[in-house]
Amino acid sequence: MPARGPAGSLTLGSLHFFRSNSSIDALTEHAVRRVAVVQLSDVVDRGSGLVAEARHQRTYPGCGTLDSLGFLRALCAAVTSPIAFSIEPISDALETHKVHTAEVESAEVPSINVGSDQ
């Protein structure tokens, strides 16, 4: 269903993008104009079935079988205004991994200026 109205926006998930057999060439300025958030994930085994793939085989972008770098390059070339990114690496192994709050608070998060010449 298309986003409707001036405030309508979309969340673009990299896994779902590739699962729909979309081409990276489809990430044009016109196609991404209503994208507000991009959820990034990768998948370890594309042949494990849709449910297993979505719930148990995800990993961090660039650590699986999807063309995460090509996806990001095309997306960054197409966007004309800042968009938010989130990482969605759902998997059994990552759900059991404990993250220490002190590590997260002290981590430096790089800034990415999307849609500009800088």
Protein backbone atom coordinates (compact mmCIF):
# COMPACT_ATOMS: atom_id res chain seq x y z
CA MET A 1 0.00 0.00 0.00
CA PRO A 2 1.48 3.37 -0.96
CA ALA A 3 2.18 6.07 1.61
CA ARG A 4 -0.59 8.62 1.25
CA GLY A 5 -0.78 12.28 2.14
CA PRO A 6 2.01 14.76 2.74
CA ALA A 7 2.99 13.14 6.05
CA GLY A 8 2.95 9.53 4.79
CA SER A 9 6.30 7.80 4.90
CA LEU A 10 7.76 4.32 4.61
CA THR A 11 10.19 2.07 6.40
CA LEU A 12 12.49 0.28 3.95
CA GLY A 13 13.95 -3.00 5.21
CA SER A 14 17.00 -4.27 3.34
CA LEU A 15 16.10 -7.94 3.93
CA HIS A 16 12.56 -7.43 2.62
CA PHE A 17 13.89 -5.42 -0.32
CA PHE A 18 16.03 -8.34 -1.43
CA ARG A 19 13.35 -10.94 -0.62
CA SER A 20 11.02 -9.16 -3.04
CA ASN A 21 13.60 -9.73 -5.81
CA SER A 22 13.97 -5.97 -6.23
CA SER A 23 16.98 -4.67 -8.09
CA ILE A 24 19.40 -2.17 -6.60
CA ASP A 25 18.74 -0.13 -9.73
CA ALA A 26 15.20 0.42 -8.39
CA LEU A 27 16.60 2.65 -5.61
CA THR A 28 16.09 5.91 -7.46
CA GLU A 29 15.41 9.38 -6.09
CA HIS A 30 11.75 9.03 -7.05
CA ALA A 31 11.44 5.56 -5.46
CA VAL A 32 12.96 6.55 -2.10
CA ARG A 33 11.42 10.02 -1.72
CA ARG A 34 9.03 8.84 1.02
CA VAL A 35 11.46 6.61 2.91
CA ALA A 36 11.91 7.90 6.46
CA VAL A 37 13.67 4.92 8.06
CA VAL A 38 15.89 2.17 6.67
CA GLN A 39 16.20 -1.06 8.65
CA LEU A 40 19.43 -2.84 7.83
CA SER A 41 20.06 -6.52 8.31
CA ASP A 42 21.68 -9.33 6.42
CA VAL A 43 20.95 -13.03 6.27
CA VAL A 44 23.33 -15.95 6.66
CA ASP A 45 21.42 -18.56 4.63
CA ARG A 46 19.02 -17.45 1.87
CA GLY A 47 17.86 -21.04 1.28
CA SER A 48 16.51 -21.74 4.75
CA GLY A 49 12.91 -20.70 4.06
CA LEU A 50 11.21 -17.36 4.66
CA VAL A 51 10.27 -17.85 8.34
CA ALA A 52 13.63 -19.35 9.36
CA GLU A 53 15.44 -16.68 7.36
CA ALA A 54 13.51 -13.83 9.00
CA ARG A 55 13.59 -15.13 12.56
CA HIS A 56 16.78 -17.15 12.90
CA GLN A 57 19.27 -16.39 10.12
CA ARG A 58 19.74 -12.62 10.28
CA THR A 59 23.06 -11.03 11.00
CA TYR A 60 24.71 -7.62 10.84
CA PRO A 61 24.79 -5.80 7.48
CA GLY A 62 27.75 -6.99 5.41
CA CYS A 63 28.15 -10.23 7.39
CA GLY A 64 25.76 -12.34 5.32
CA THR A 65 24.81 -13.08 1.74
CA LEU A 66 22.95 -9.89 0.76
CA ASP A 67 24.60 -7.05 -1.16
CA SER A 68 24.39 -4.66 1.81
CA LEU A 69 27.15 -2.39 0.51
CA GLY A 70 25.55 -2.08 -2.93
CA PHE A 71 22.18 -1.41 -1.29
CA LEU A 72 23.66 1.38 0.88
CA ARG A 73 25.62 2.93 -1.98
CA ALA A 74 22.53 3.07 -4.21
CA LEU A 75 20.36 4.37 -1.39
CA CYS A 76 22.82 7.09 -0.41
CA ALA A 77 23.13 8.19 -4.04
CA ALA A 78 19.33 8.43 -4.34
CA VAL A 79 18.23 10.21 -1.17
CA THR A 80 17.92 13.98 -1.13
CA SER A 81 17.20 14.51 2.57
CA PRO A 82 18.43 12.84 5.77
CA ILE A 83 16.88 9.51 6.72
CA ALA A 84 17.24 7.40 9.85
CA PHE A 85 18.93 4.01 9.87
CA SER A 86 18.44 1.16 12.30
CA ILE A 87 20.13 -2.22 12.46
CA GLU A 88 17.82 -5.21 12.80
CA PRO A 89 19.98 -8.34 13.21
CA ILE A 90 17.38 -10.73 14.62
CA SER A 91 18.83 -14.17 15.27
CA ASP A 92 18.95 -16.78 17.98
CA ALA A 93 22.67 -16.22 18.57
CA LEU A 94 22.36 -12.45 18.89
CA GLU A 95 19.34 -12.64 21.20
CA THR A 96 21.44 -14.50 23.76
CA HIS A 97 24.34 -12.03 23.50
CA LYS A 98 24.43 -9.68 26.46
CA VAL A 99 25.32 -6.06 25.80
CA HIS A 100 26.86 -4.22 28.70
CA THR A 101 25.37 -0.76 29.17
CA ALA A 102 28.75 0.84 29.85
CA GLU A 103 30.04 -0.37 26.46
CA VAL A 104 27.06 1.09 24.64
CA GLU A 105 27.22 4.43 26.46
CA SER A 106 30.94 4.84 25.73
CA ALA A 107 30.76 3.74 22.10
CA GLU A 108 31.37 6.42 19.50
CA VAL A 109 28.70 6.44 16.82
CA PRO A 110 29.87 7.79 13.47
CA SER A 111 27.77 10.40 11.74
CA ILE A 112 26.75 9.81 8.14
CA ASN A 113 25.69 12.82 6.11
CA VAL A 114 23.36 11.34 3.49
CA GLY A 115 22.35 13.19 0.37
CA SER A 116 25.09 15.80 0.34
CA ASP A 117 28.44 16.27 -1.32
CA GLN A 118 30.36 16.07 1.97
